Every structure is written in structure tokens, then in C-alpha cells.
Amino acid sequence: VQLQAFGGGLVQPGGSLRLSCAASESIFRVNGMGWYRQAPGKQRELVAFITNGDGTNYASSVRGRFTISRDNAKNTVYLQMNSLKPEDTAVYYCFSYSGTFLRPDYWGQGTLVTVSS
């Protein structure tokens, strides 16, 4: 599976961005997809994931502000990010997994999100 991530950019605090992750084949072939992020000098952090059964899970730092969703017809997963904060600045990586979200099988290229005034 090849994953392509889109949608990063520069946004002011309080603003919104939507990230997209397009898969090269049916996303039903994997158990779930999601996003990690890595800020400069920090460890990689799980942001959110969504399962084939549409179950979702979010990091406490983004719950209530971010929403993950999927479009099965387009083989695409989205991350809608609202009320962005400077601490959300990071490179965001989408992933897919067949076993556990803790051990992704495939990764997309990172997309940089910068939240700054």
C-alpha cells in the first residue's frame, strides 16, 4: 500500500487545516489508518486513528479539536484540525496497519503543519 499525505501548511493560532491521506488500494485491506506527528526535538506522538469499523481514538492533546474520518470510495482518510495551537506544529505522517496501530505497516510522506502568527 502506498500512502500520500496532503494538506499541510502555515496557519495562525485558532485556525483550521484538513490533512488528507490517499491510499493506492482499498483501505478495507487494512485494519485501520491514522496519523502520527513529530515536532522538532520531540518523540513521535500518535494523533488519531480510525478502524474499518469506524471506531476512532484520539490523543488527549487533540481530542475535541481534531476529527478523523474516512471516505471508503476514495480510499482516503482525513484529519480535520480546528482550533490549532502553536504546540500542534509538527510533521504529520499518515499510516496504515493490519495488526495494531502501535506497529504501522505503511507510512506516507510527512506533511508539515506550522501554527504561528
PDB file of N, CA and C in Angstrom:
ATOM      1  N   VAL A   1       0.857  -1.192   0.000  1.00  0.00           N
ATOM      2  CA  VAL A   1       0.000   0.000   0.000  1.00  0.00           C
ATOM      3  C   VAL A   1       0.886   1.232   0.000  1.00  0.00           C
ATOM      4  N   GLN A   2       0.606   2.128  -0.901  1.00  0.00           N
ATOM      5  CA  GLN A   2       1.296   3.419  -0.900  1.00  0.00           C
ATOM      6  C   GLN A   2       0.345   4.475  -0.363  1.00  0.00           C
ATOM      7  N   LEU A   3       0.880   5.326   0.483  1.00  0.00           N
ATOM      8  CA  LEU A   3       0.084   6.387   1.094  1.00  0.00           C
ATOM      9  C   LEU A   3       0.670   7.732   0.717  1.00  0.00           C
ATOM     10  N   GLN A   4      -0.203   8.656   0.360  1.00  0.00           N
ATOM     11  CA  GLN A   4       0.219  10.019   0.038  1.00  0.00           C
ATOM     12  C   GLN A   4      -0.539  10.998   0.917  1.00  0.00           C
ATOM     13  N   ALA A   5       0.223  11.825   1.604  1.00  0.00           N
ATOM     14  CA  ALA A   5      -0.381  12.796   2.509  1.00  0.00           C
ATOM     15  C   ALA A   5      -0.367  14.183   1.881  1.00  0.00           C
ATOM     16  N   PHE A   6      -1.446  14.921   2.129  1.00  0.00           N
ATOM     17  CA  PHE A   6      -1.591  16.271   1.595  1.00  0.00           C
ATOM     18  C   PHE A   6      -2.187  17.187   2.651  1.00  0.00           C
ATOM     19  N   GLY A   7      -1.994  18.478   2.456  1.00  0.00           N
ATOM     20  CA  GLY A   7      -2.769  19.446   3.215  1.00  0.00           C
ATOM     21  C   GLY A   7      -2.046  20.244   4.269  1.00  0.00           C
ATOM     22  N   GLY A   8      -0.784  19.997   4.493  1.00  0.00           N
ATOM     23  CA  GLY A   8      -0.077  20.783   5.487  1.00  0.00           C
ATOM     24  C   GLY A   8       0.121  22.214   5.028  1.00  0.00           C
ATOM     25  N   GLY A   9       0.574  23.040   5.949  1.00  0.00           N
ATOM     26  CA  GLY A   9       0.827  24.431   5.608  1.00  0.00           C
ATOM     27  C   GLY A   9       0.980  25.284   6.847  1.00  0.00           C
ATOM     28  N   LEU A  10       0.969  26.587   6.605  1.00  0.00           N
ATOM     29  CA  LEU A  10       1.094  27.566   7.683  1.00  0.00           C
ATOM     30  C   LEU A  10      -0.282  28.113   8.027  1.00  0.00           C
ATOM     31  N   VAL A  11      -0.604  28.127   9.298  1.00  0.00           N
ATOM     32  CA  VAL A  11      -1.898  28.629   9.747  1.00  0.00           C
ATOM     33  C   VAL A  11      -1.708  29.387  11.056  1.00  0.00           C
ATOM     34  N   GLN A  12      -2.549  30.369  11.267  1.00  0.00           N
ATOM     35  CA  GLN A  12      -2.475  31.140  12.508  1.00  0.00           C
ATOM     36  C   GLN A  12      -3.125  30.370  13.653  1.00  0.00           C
ATOM     37  N   PRO A  13      -2.708  30.653  14.871  1.00  0.00           N
ATOM     38  CA  PRO A  13      -3.372  30.019  16.023  1.00  0.00           C
ATOM     39  C   PRO A  13      -4.877  30.256  15.982  1.00  0.00           C
ATOM     40  N   GLY A  14      -5.613  29.198  16.284  1.00  0.00           N
ATOM     41  CA  GLY A  14      -7.070  29.269  16.218  1.00  0.00           C
ATOM     42  C   GLY A  14      -7.628  28.881  14.868  1.00  0.00           C
ATOM     43  N   GLY A  15      -6.756  28.725  13.884  1.00  0.00           N
ATOM     44  CA  GLY A  15      -7.199  28.380  12.542  1.00  0.00           C
ATOM     45  C   GLY A  15      -7.416  26.891  12.349  1.00  0.00           C
ATOM     46  N   SER A  16      -7.720  26.523  11.106  1.00  0.00           N
ATOM     47  CA  SER A  16      -8.043  25.140  10.767  1.00  0.00           C
ATOM     48  C   SER A  16      -7.264  24.683   9.547  1.00  0.00           C
ATOM     49  N   LEU A  17      -7.021  23.399   9.495  1.00  0.00           N
ATOM     50  CA  LEU A  17      -6.441  22.748   8.322  1.00  0.00           C
ATOM     51  C   LEU A  17      -7.054  21.363   8.212  1.00  0.00           C
ATOM     52  N   ARG A  18      -7.085  20.844   6.989  1.00  0.00           N
ATOM     53  CA  ARG A  18      -7.514  19.468   6.793  1.00  0.00           C
ATOM     54  C   ARG A  18      -6.420  18.701   6.069  1.00  0.00           C
ATOM     55  N   LEU A  19      -5.961  17.637   6.686  1.00  0.00           N
ATOM     56  CA  LEU A  19      -4.984  16.759   6.065  1.00  0.00           C
ATOM     57  C   LEU A  19      -5.712  15.605   5.389  1.00  0.00           C
ATOM     58  N   SER A  20      -5.160  15.154   4.269  1.00  0.00           N
ATOM     59  CA  SER A  20      -5.701  14.002   3.553  1.00  0.00           C
ATOM     60  C   SER A  20      -4.620  12.949   3.397  1.00  0.00           C
ATOM     61  N   CYS A  21      -5.017  11.706   3.426  1.00  0.00           N
ATOM     62  CA  CYS A  21      -4.092  10.597   3.200  1.00  0.00           C
ATOM     63  C   CYS A  21      -4.762   9.639   2.231  1.00  0.00           C
ATOM     64  N   ALA A  22      -4.241   9.601   1.007  1.00  0.00           N
ATOM     65  CA  ALA A  22      -4.815   8.775  -0.039  1.00  0.00           C
ATOM     66  C   ALA A  22      -4.035   7.473  -0.170  1.00  0.00           C
ATOM     67  N   ALA A  23      -4.752   6.360  -0.159  1.00  0.00           N
ATOM     68  CA  ALA A  23      -4.127   5.038  -0.284  1.00  0.00           C
ATOM     69  C   ALA A  23      -4.205   4.559  -1.724  1.00  0.00           C
ATOM     70  N   SER A  24      -3.233   3.748  -2.114  1.00  0.00           N
ATOM     71  CA  SER A  24      -3.152   3.276  -3.504  1.00  0.00           C
ATOM     72  C   SER A  24      -4.101   2.119  -3.775  1.00  0.00           C
ATOM     73  N   GLU A  25      -4.698   1.553  -2.716  1.00  0.00           N
ATOM     74  CA  GLU A  25      -5.654   0.482  -2.890  1.00  0.00           C
ATOM     75  C   GLU A  25      -6.711   0.565  -1.798  1.00  0.00           C
ATOM     76  N   SER A  26      -7.655  -0.328  -1.854  1.00  0.00           N
ATOM     77  CA  SER A  26      -8.780  -0.256  -0.937  1.00  0.00           C
ATOM     78  C   SER A  26      -8.325  -0.231   0.521  1.00  0.00           C
ATOM     79  N   ILE A  27      -8.861   0.721   1.257  1.00  0.00           N
ATOM     80  CA  ILE A  27      -8.488   0.820   2.669  1.00  0.00           C
ATOM     81  C   ILE A  27      -9.158  -0.254   3.514  1.00  0.00           C
ATOM     82  N   PHE A  28     -10.021  -1.030   2.905  1.00  0.00           N
ATOM     83  CA  PHE A  28     -10.581  -2.178   3.611  1.00  0.00           C
ATOM     84  C   PHE A  28      -9.579  -3.314   3.725  1.00  0.00           C
ATOM     85  N   ARG A  29      -8.460  -3.209   2.989  1.00  0.00           N
ATOM     86  CA  ARG A  29      -7.419  -4.232   3.065  1.00  0.00           C
ATOM     87  C   ARG A  29      -6.609  -4.130   4.354  1.00  0.00           C
ATOM     88  N   VAL A  30      -6.758  -3.023   5.062  1.00  0.00           N
ATOM     89  CA  VAL A  30      -6.024  -2.859   6.314  1.00  0.00           C
ATOM     90  C   VAL A  30      -7.034  -2.688   7.452  1.00  0.00           C
ATOM     91  N   ASN A  31      -6.581  -2.880   8.679  1.00  0.00           N
ATOM     92  CA  ASN A  31      -7.477  -2.772   9.828  1.00  0.00           C
ATOM     93  C   ASN A  31      -7.816  -1.331  10.166  1.00  0.00           C
ATOM     94  N   GLY A  32      -6.893  -0.442   9.848  1.00  0.00           N
ATOM     95  CA  GLY A  32      -7.151   0.945  10.178  1.00  0.00           C
ATOM     96  C   GLY A  32      -6.061   1.859   9.653  1.00  0.00           C
ATOM     97  N   MET A  33      -6.334   3.139   9.761  1.00  0.00           N
ATOM     98  CA  MET A  33      -5.386   4.160   9.341  1.00  0.00           C
ATOM     99  C   MET A  33      -5.399   5.314  10.328  1.00  0.00           C
ATOM    100  N   GLY A  34      -4.349   6.091  10.287  1.00  0.00           N
ATOM    101  CA  GLY A  34      -4.315   7.210  11.222  1.00  0.00           C
ATOM    102  C   GLY A  34      -3.158   8.136  10.966  1.00  0.00           C
ATOM    103  N   TRP A  35      -2.859   8.925  11.998  1.00  0.00           N
ATOM    104  CA  TRP A  35      -1.815   9.936  11.893  1.00  0.00           C
ATOM    105  C   TRP A  35      -0.959   9.942  13.150  1.00  0.00           C
ATOM    106  N   TYR A  36       0.338  10.016  12.935  1.00  0.00           N
ATOM    107  CA  TYR A  36       1.294  10.347  13.975  1.00  0.00           C
ATOM    108  C   TYR A  36       1.843  11.734  13.645  1.00  0.00           C
ATOM    109  N   ARG A  37       2.458  12.344  14.599  1.00  0.00           N
ATOM    110  CA  ARG A  37       3.170  13.592  14.342  1.00  0.00           C
ATOM    111  C   ARG A  37       4.469  13.619  15.133  1.00  0.00           C
ATOM    112  N   GLN A  38       5.399  14.417  14.627  1.00  0.00           N
ATOM    113  CA  GLN A  38       6.671  14.581  15.319  1.00  0.00           C
ATOM    114  C   GLN A  38       7.099  16.031  15.240  1.00  0.00           C
ATOM    115  N   ALA A  39       7.203  16.636  16.403  1.00  0.00           N
ATOM    116  CA  ALA A  39       7.662  18.013  16.495  1.00  0.00           C
ATOM    117  C   ALA A  39       9.182  18.031  16.652  1.00  0.00           C
ATOM    118  N   PRO A  40       9.820  19.132  16.284  1.00  0.00           N
ATOM    119  CA  PRO A  40      11.283  19.214  16.402  1.00  0.00           C
ATOM    120  C   PRO A  40      11.753  18.920  17.817  1.00  0.00           C
ATOM    121  N   GLY A  41      12.694  18.001  17.948  1.00  0.00           N
ATOM    122  CA  GLY A  41      13.253  17.688  19.250  1.00  0.00           C
ATOM    123  C   GLY A  41      12.362  16.842  20.146  1.00  0.00           C
ATOM    124  N   LYS A  42      11.238  16.376  19.603  1.00  0.00           N
ATOM    125  CA  LYS A  42      10.316  15.576  20.415  1.00  0.00           C
ATOM    126  C   LYS A  42      10.117  14.195  19.812  1.00  0.00           C
ATOM    127  N   GLN A  43       9.595  13.300  20.622  1.00  0.00           N
ATOM    128  CA  GLN A  43       9.307  11.957  20.140  1.00  0.00           C
ATOM    129  C   GLN A  43       8.035  11.954  19.302  1.00  0.00           C
ATOM    130  N   ARG A  44       7.955  10.964  18.456  1.00  0.00           N
ATOM    131  CA  ARG A  44       6.749  10.795  17.648  1.00  0.00           C
ATOM    132  C   ARG A  44       5.552  10.540  18.558  1.00  0.00           C
ATOM    133  N   GLU A  45       4.431  11.126  18.207  1.00  0.00           N
ATOM    134  CA  GLU A  45       3.217  11.045  19.014  1.00  0.00           C
ATOM    135  C   GLU A  45       2.048  10.584  18.153  1.00  0.00           C
ATOM    136  N   LEU A  46       1.285   9.627  18.654  1.00  0.00           N
ATOM    137  CA  LEU A  46       0.067   9.222  17.959  1.00  0.00           C
ATOM    138  C   LEU A  46      -0.963  10.337  18.093  1.00  0.00           C
ATOM    139  N   VAL A  47      -1.547  10.730  16.981  1.00  0.00           N
ATOM    140  CA  VAL A  47      -2.556  11.784  16.990  1.00  0.00           C
ATOM    141  C   VAL A  47      -3.958  11.190  17.001  1.00  0.00           C
ATOM    142  N   ALA A  48      -4.236  10.322  16.051  1.00  0.00           N
ATOM    143  CA  ALA A  48      -5.563   9.720  15.948  1.00  0.00           C
ATOM    144  C   ALA A  48      -5.507   8.551  14.982  1.00  0.00           C
ATOM    145  N   PHE A  49      -6.465   7.629  15.140  1.00  0.00           N
ATOM    146  CA  PHE A  49      -6.631   6.584  14.144  1.00  0.00           C
ATOM    147  C   PHE A  49      -8.094   6.204  14.053  1.00  0.00           C
ATOM    148  N   ILE A  50      -8.424   5.568  12.918  1.00  0.00           N
ATOM    149  CA  ILE A  50      -9.789   5.133  12.663  1.00  0.00           C
ATOM    150  C   ILE A  50      -9.736   3.713  12.135  1.00  0.00           C
ATOM    151  N   THR A  51     -10.627   2.877  12.640  1.00  0.00           N
ATOM    152  CA  THR A  51     -10.647   1.474  12.248  1.00  0.00           C
ATOM    153  C   THR A  51     -11.618   1.238  11.096  1.00  0.00           C
ATOM    154  N   ASN A  52     -11.593   0.024  10.567  1.00  0.00           N
ATOM    155  CA  ASN A  52     -12.525  -0.323   9.496  1.00  0.00           C
ATOM    156  C   ASN A  52     -13.965  -0.286   9.978  1.00  0.00           C
ATOM    157  N   GLY A  53     -14.151  -0.444  11.277  1.00  0.00           N
ATOM    158  CA  GLY A  53     -15.493  -0.351  11.837  1.00  0.00           C
ATOM    159  C   GLY A  53     -15.866   1.066  12.237  1.00  0.00           C
ATOM    160  N   ASP A  54     -15.051   2.039  11.804  1.00  0.00           N
ATOM    161  CA  ASP A  54     -15.271   3.452  12.091  1.00  0.00           C
ATOM    162  C   ASP A  54     -15.077   3.813  13.561  1.00  0.00           C
ATOM    163  N   GLY A  55     -14.409   2.952  14.288  1.00  0.00           N
ATOM    164  CA  GLY A  55     -14.010   3.329  15.632  1.00  0.00           C
ATOM    165  C   GLY A  55     -12.880   4.327  15.562  1.00  0.00           C
ATOM    166  N   THR A  56     -12.880   5.294  16.463  1.00  0.00           N
ATOM    167  CA  THR A  56     -11.839   6.328  16.444  1.00  0.00           C
ATOM    168  C   THR A  56     -11.173   6.434  17.814  1.00  0.00           C
ATOM    169  N   ASN A  57      -9.959   6.941  17.774  1.00  0.00           N
ATOM    170  CA  ASN A  57      -9.216   7.148  19.008  1.00  0.00           C
ATOM    171  C   ASN A  57      -8.346   8.374  18.821  1.00  0.00           C
ATOM    172  N   TYR A  58      -8.278   9.212  19.845  1.00  0.00           N
ATOM    173  CA  TYR A  58      -7.531  10.468  19.745  1.00  0.00           C
ATOM    174  C   TYR A  58      -6.571  10.629  20.921  1.00  0.00           C
ATOM    175  N   ALA A  59      -5.471  11.300  20.652  1.00  0.00           N
ATOM    176  CA  ALA A  59      -4.603  11.713  21.745  1.00  0.00           C
ATOM    177  C   ALA A  59      -5.354  12.734  22.590  1.00  0.00           C
ATOM    178  N   SER A  60      -5.109  12.737  23.866  1.00  0.00           N
ATOM    179  CA  SER A  60      -5.817  13.666  24.754  1.00  0.00           C
ATOM    180  C   SER A  60      -5.543  15.120  24.373  1.00  0.00           C
ATOM    181  N   SER A  61      -4.371  15.355  23.802  1.00  0.00           N
ATOM    182  CA  SER A  61      -3.992  16.729  23.453  1.00  0.00           C
ATOM    183  C   SER A  61      -4.791  17.299  22.285  1.00  0.00           C
ATOM    184  N   VAL A  62      -5.452  16.427  21.503  1.00  0.00           N
ATOM    185  CA  VAL A  62      -6.190  16.904  20.336  1.00  0.00           C
ATOM    186  C   VAL A  62      -7.677  16.587  20.402  1.00  0.00           C
ATOM    187  N   ARG A  63      -8.081  15.791  21.382  1.00  0.00           N
ATOM    188  CA  ARG A  63      -9.485  15.399  21.475  1.00  0.00           C
ATOM    189  C   ARG A  63     -10.370  16.636  21.621  1.00  0.00           C
ATOM    190  N   GLY A  64     -11.437  16.654  20.823  1.00  0.00           N
ATOM    191  CA  GLY A  64     -12.331  17.802  20.841  1.00  0.00           C
ATOM    192  C   GLY A  64     -11.972  18.877  19.828  1.00  0.00           C
ATOM    193  N   ARG A  65     -10.755  18.804  19.305  1.00  0.00           N
ATOM    194  CA  ARG A  65     -10.322  19.781  18.295  1.00  0.00           C
ATOM    195  C   ARG A  65     -10.095  19.129  16.936  1.00  0.00           C
ATOM    196  N   PHE A  66      -9.633  17.905  16.938  1.00  0.00           N
ATOM    197  CA  PHE A  66      -9.349  17.179  15.695  1.00  0.00           C
ATOM    198  C   PHE A  66     -10.419  16.117  15.468  1.00  0.00           C
ATOM    199  N   THR A  67     -10.712  15.866  14.191  1.00  0.00           N
ATOM    200  CA  THR A  67     -11.649  14.816  13.832  1.00  0.00           C
ATOM    201  C   THR A  67     -11.062  13.997  12.688  1.00  0.00           C
ATOM    202  N   ILE A  68     -11.008  12.691  12.882  1.00  0.00           N
ATOM    203  CA  ILE A  68     -10.532  11.805  11.825  1.00  0.00           C
ATOM    204  C   ILE A  68     -11.739  11.144  11.173  1.00  0.00           C
ATOM    205  N   SER A  69     -11.679  11.007   9.856  1.00  0.00           N
ATOM    206  CA  SER A  69     -12.783  10.400   9.120  1.00  0.00           C
ATOM    207  C   SER A  69     -12.215   9.688   7.895  1.00  0.00           C
ATOM    208  N   ARG A  70     -13.077   8.942   7.221  1.00  0.00           N
ATOM    209  CA  ARG A  70     -12.625   8.187   6.065  1.00  0.00           C
ATOM    210  C   ARG A  70     -13.669   8.235   4.968  1.00  0.00           C
ATOM    211  N   ASP A  71     -13.205   8.197   3.732  1.00  0.00           N
ATOM    212  CA  ASP A  71     -14.065   8.092   2.569  1.00  0.00           C
ATOM    213  C   ASP A  71     -13.637   6.812   1.854  1.00  0.00           C
ATOM    214  N   ASN A  72     -14.414   5.760   2.047  1.00  0.00           N
ATOM    215  CA  ASN A  72     -14.020   4.450   1.506  1.00  0.00           C
ATOM    216  C   ASN A  72     -13.989   4.448  -0.018  1.00  0.00           C
ATOM    217  N   ALA A  73     -14.875   5.201  -0.626  1.00  0.00           N
ATOM    218  CA  ALA A  73     -14.925   5.232  -2.090  1.00  0.00           C
ATOM    219  C   ALA A  73     -13.667   5.869  -2.675  1.00  0.00           C
ATOM    220  N   LYS A  74     -13.076   6.779  -1.930  1.00  0.00           N
ATOM    221  CA  LYS A  74     -11.869   7.467  -2.397  1.00  0.00           C
ATOM    222  C   LYS A  74     -10.599   6.895  -1.783  1.00  0.00           C
ATOM    223  N   ASN A  75     -10.741   5.868  -0.953  1.00  0.00           N
ATOM    224  CA  ASN A  75      -9.578   5.271  -0.271  1.00  0.00           C
ATOM    225  C   ASN A  75      -8.764   6.339   0.449  1.00  0.00           C
ATOM    226  N   THR A  76      -9.454   7.216   1.120  1.00  0.00           N
ATOM    227  CA  THR A  76      -8.800   8.376   1.729  1.00  0.00           C
ATOM    228  C   THR A  76      -9.261   8.558   3.172  1.00  0.00           C
ATOM    229  N   VAL A  77      -8.311   8.925   4.001  1.00  0.00           N
ATOM    230  CA  VAL A  77      -8.583   9.265   5.396  1.00  0.00           C
ATOM    231  C   VAL A  77      -8.246  10.740   5.587  1.00  0.00           C
ATOM    232  N   TYR A  78      -9.066  11.419   6.360  1.00  0.00           N
ATOM    233  CA  TYR A  78      -8.887  12.848   6.589  1.00  0.00           C
ATOM    234  C   TYR A  78      -8.646  13.129   8.068  1.00  0.00           C
ATOM    235  N   LEU A  79      -7.934  14.212   8.306  1.00  0.00           N
ATOM    236  CA  LEU A  79      -7.780  14.713   9.674  1.00  0.00           C
ATOM    237  C   LEU A  79      -8.138  16.191   9.653  1.00  0.00           C
ATOM    238  N   GLN A  80      -9.315  16.497  10.162  1.00  0.00           N
ATOM    239  CA  GLN A  80      -9.750  17.882  10.273  1.00  0.00           C
ATOM    240  C   GLN A  80      -9.225  18.450  11.581  1.00  0.00           C
ATOM    241  N   MET A  81      -8.443  19.504  11.475  1.00  0.00           N
ATOM    242  CA  MET A  81      -7.807  20.088  12.650  1.00  0.00           C
ATOM    243  C   MET A  81      -8.337  21.498  12.856  1.00  0.00           C
ATOM    244  N   ASN A  82      -9.016  21.696  13.956  1.00  0.00           N
ATOM    245  CA  ASN A  82      -9.582  23.002  14.295  1.00  0.00           C
ATOM    246  C   ASN A  82      -8.922  23.543  15.556  1.00  0.00           C
ATOM    247  N   SER A  83      -9.121  24.823  15.781  1.00  0.00           N
ATOM    248  CA  SER A  83      -8.572  25.484  16.981  1.00  0.00           C
ATOM    249  C   SER A  83      -7.097  25.146  17.169  1.00  0.00           C
ATOM    250  N   LEU A  84      -6.354  25.284  16.101  1.00  0.00           N
ATOM    251  CA  LEU A  84      -4.950  24.895  16.139  1.00  0.00           C
ATOM    252  C   LEU A  84      -4.144  25.771  17.079  1.00  0.00           C
ATOM    253  N   LYS A  85      -3.169  25.136  17.711  1.00  0.00           N
ATOM    254  CA  LYS A  85      -2.304  25.803  18.676  1.00  0.00           C
ATOM    255  C   LYS A  85      -0.849  25.710  18.192  1.00  0.00           C
ATOM    256  N   PRO A  86       0.001  26.596  18.638  1.00  0.00           N
ATOM    257  CA  PRO A  86       1.408  26.513  18.247  1.00  0.00           C
ATOM    258  C   PRO A  86       2.024  25.148  18.570  1.00  0.00           C
ATOM    259  N   GLU A  87       1.570  24.532  19.640  1.00  0.00           N
ATOM    260  CA  GLU A  87       2.122  23.220  20.010  1.00  0.00           C
ATOM    261  C   GLU A  87       1.669  22.092  19.088  1.00  0.00           C
ATOM    262  N   ASP A  88       0.773  22.381  18.156  1.00  0.00           N
ATOM    263  CA  ASP A  88       0.394  21.405  17.130  1.00  0.00           C
ATOM    264  C   ASP A  88       1.391  21.400  15.971  1.00  0.00           C
ATOM    265  N   THR A  89       2.318  22.336  15.974  1.00  0.00           N
ATOM    266  CA  THR A  89       3.325  22.397  14.922  1.00  0.00           C
ATOM    267  C   THR A  89       4.155  21.121  14.923  1.00  0.00           C
ATOM    268  N   ALA A  90       4.192  20.456  13.772  1.00  0.00           N
ATOM    269  CA  ALA A  90       4.892  19.179  13.658  1.00  0.00           C
ATOM    270  C   ALA A  90       4.817  18.697  12.212  1.00  0.00           C
ATOM    271  N   VAL A  91       5.589  17.678  11.931  1.00  0.00           N
ATOM    272  CA  VAL A  91       5.410  16.934  10.680  1.00  0.00           C
ATOM    273  C   VAL A  91       4.415  15.819  10.972  1.00  0.00           C
ATOM    274  N   TYR A  92       3.374  15.759  10.172  1.00  0.00           N
ATOM    275  CA  TYR A  92       2.315  14.779  10.357  1.00  0.00           C
ATOM    276  C   TYR A  92       2.496  13.653   9.343  1.00  0.00           C
ATOM    277  N   TYR A  93       2.444  12.420   9.840  1.00  0.00           N
ATOM    278  CA  TYR A  93       2.623  11.241   8.998  1.00  0.00           C
ATOM    279  C   TYR A  93       1.371  10.378   9.069  1.00  0.00           C
ATOM    280  N   CYS A  94       0.820  10.034   7.914  1.00  0.00           N
ATOM    281  CA  CYS A  94      -0.278   9.081   7.944  1.00  0.00           C
ATOM    282  C   CYS A  94       0.281   7.666   7.889  1.00  0.00           C
ATOM    283  N   PHE A  95      -0.516   6.737   8.357  1.00  0.00           N
ATOM    284  CA  PHE A  95      -0.076   5.353   8.404  1.00  0.00           C
ATOM    285  C   PHE A  95      -1.263   4.425   8.241  1.00  0.00           C
ATOM    286  N   SER A  96      -0.951   3.184   7.915  1.00  0.00           N
ATOM    287  CA  SER A  96      -1.969   2.143   7.908  1.00  0.00           C
ATOM    288  C   SER A  96      -1.420   0.951   8.691  1.00  0.00           C
ATOM    289  N   TYR A  97      -2.327   0.142   9.228  1.00  0.00           N
ATOM    290  CA  TYR A  97      -1.897  -1.025   9.981  1.00  0.00           C
ATOM    291  C   TYR A  97      -2.845  -2.185   9.732  1.00  0.00           C
ATOM    292  N   SER A  98      -2.303  -3.371   9.820  1.00  0.00           N
ATOM    293  CA  SER A  98      -3.117  -4.582   9.708  1.00  0.00           C
ATOM    294  C   SER A  98      -3.203  -5.307  11.034  1.00  0.00           C
ATOM    295  N   GLY A  99      -2.246  -5.042  11.926  1.00  0.00           N
ATOM    296  CA  GLY A  99      -2.261  -5.676  13.233  1.00  0.00           C
ATOM    297  C   GLY A  99      -2.689  -4.696  14.309  1.00  0.00           C
ATOM    298  N   THR A 100      -1.773  -3.897  14.768  1.00  0.00           N
ATOM    299  CA  THR A 100      -2.027  -2.892  15.787  1.00  0.00           C
ATOM    300  C   THR A 100      -1.543  -1.522  15.320  1.00  0.00           C
ATOM    301  N   PHE A 101      -2.225  -0.478  15.783  1.00  0.00           N
ATOM    302  CA  PHE A 101      -1.830   0.881  15.402  1.00  0.00           C
ATOM    303  C   PHE A 101      -0.458   1.224  15.980  1.00  0.00           C
ATOM    304  N   LEU A 102      -0.003   0.445  16.944  1.00  0.00           N
ATOM    305  CA  LEU A 102       1.311   0.693  17.539  1.00  0.00           C
ATOM    306  C   LEU A 102       2.449   0.267  16.619  1.00  0.00           C
ATOM    307  N   ARG A 103       2.110  -0.558  15.634  1.00  0.00           N
ATOM    308  CA  ARG A 103       3.122  -1.023  14.680  1.00  0.00           C
ATOM    309  C   ARG A 103       2.589  -0.852  13.269  1.00  0.00           C
ATOM    310  N   PRO A 104       2.620   0.376  12.773  1.00  0.00           N
ATOM    311  CA  PRO A 104       2.129   0.605  11.408  1.00  0.00           C
ATOM    312  C   PRO A 104       2.893  -0.217  10.369  1.00  0.00           C
ATOM    313  N   ASP A 105       2.175  -0.609   9.335  1.00  0.00           N
ATOM    314  CA  ASP A 105       2.800  -1.354   8.251  1.00  0.00           C
ATOM    315  C   ASP A 105       3.303  -0.435   7.148  1.00  0.00           C
ATOM    316  N   TYR A 106       2.575   0.616   6.894  1.00  0.00           N
ATOM    317  CA  TYR A 106       2.923   1.541   5.826  1.00  0.00           C
ATOM    318  C   TYR A 106       2.810   2.972   6.319  1.00  0.00           C
ATOM    319  N   TRP A 107       3.668   3.809   5.715  1.00  0.00           N
ATOM    320  CA  TRP A 107       3.702   5.220   6.078  1.00  0.00           C
ATOM    321  C   TRP A 107       3.605   6.085   4.822  1.00  0.00           C
ATOM    322  N   GLY A 108       2.957   7.219   4.973  1.00  0.00           N
ATOM    323  CA  GLY A 108       3.006   8.223   3.928  1.00  0.00           C
ATOM    324  C   GLY A 108       4.171   9.164   4.195  1.00  0.00           C
ATOM    325  N   GLN A 109       4.454   9.995   3.218  1.00  0.00           N
ATOM    326  CA  GLN A 109       5.491  11.001   3.459  1.00  0.00           C
ATOM    327  C   GLN A 109       4.930  12.038   4.417  1.00  0.00           C
ATOM    328  N   GLY A 110       5.746  12.671   5.168  1.00  0.00           N
ATOM    329  CA  GLY A 110       5.268  13.646   6.128  1.00  0.00           C
ATOM    330  C   GLY A 110       4.769  14.912   5.459  1.00  0.00           C
ATOM    331  N   THR A 111       3.859  15.580   6.131  1.00  0.00           N
ATOM    332  CA  THR A 111       3.406  16.892   5.694  1.00  0.00           C
ATOM    333  C   THR A 111       3.516  17.839   6.880  1.00  0.00           C
ATOM    334  N   LEU A 112       4.139  18.981   6.632  1.00  0.00           N
ATOM    335  CA  LEU A 112       4.451  19.907   7.713  1.00  0.00           C
ATOM    336  C   LEU A 112       3.276  20.826   8.018  1.00  0.00           C
ATOM    337  N   VAL A 113       2.925  20.878   9.285  1.00  0.00           N
ATOM    338  CA  VAL A 113       1.916  21.817   9.770  1.00  0.00           C
ATOM    339  C   VAL A 113       2.614  22.798  10.701  1.00  0.00           C
ATOM    340  N   THR A 114       2.502  24.068  10.386  1.00  0.00           N
ATOM    341  CA  THR A 114       3.106  25.117  11.200  1.00  0.00           C
ATOM    342  C   THR A 114       2.013  26.051  11.685  1.00  0.00           C
ATOM    343  N   VAL A 115       1.902  26.175  12.989  1.00  0.00           N
ATOM    344  CA  VAL A 115       0.895  27.065  13.583  1.00  0.00           C
ATOM    345  C   VAL A 115       1.649  28.231  14.221  1.00  0.00           C
ATOM    346  N   SER A 116       1.505  29.382  13.603  1.00  0.00           N
ATOM    347  CA  SER A 116       2.271  30.543  14.056  1.00  0.00           C
ATOM    348  C   SER A 116       1.595  31.820  13.586  1.00  0.00           C
ATOM    349  N   SER A 117       1.729  32.844  14.391  1.00  0.00           N
ATOM    350  CA  SER A 117       1.210  34.151  13.999  1.00  0.00           C
ATOM    351  C   SER A 117       2.294  34.980  13.319  1.00  0.00           C
TER     352      SER A 117
END
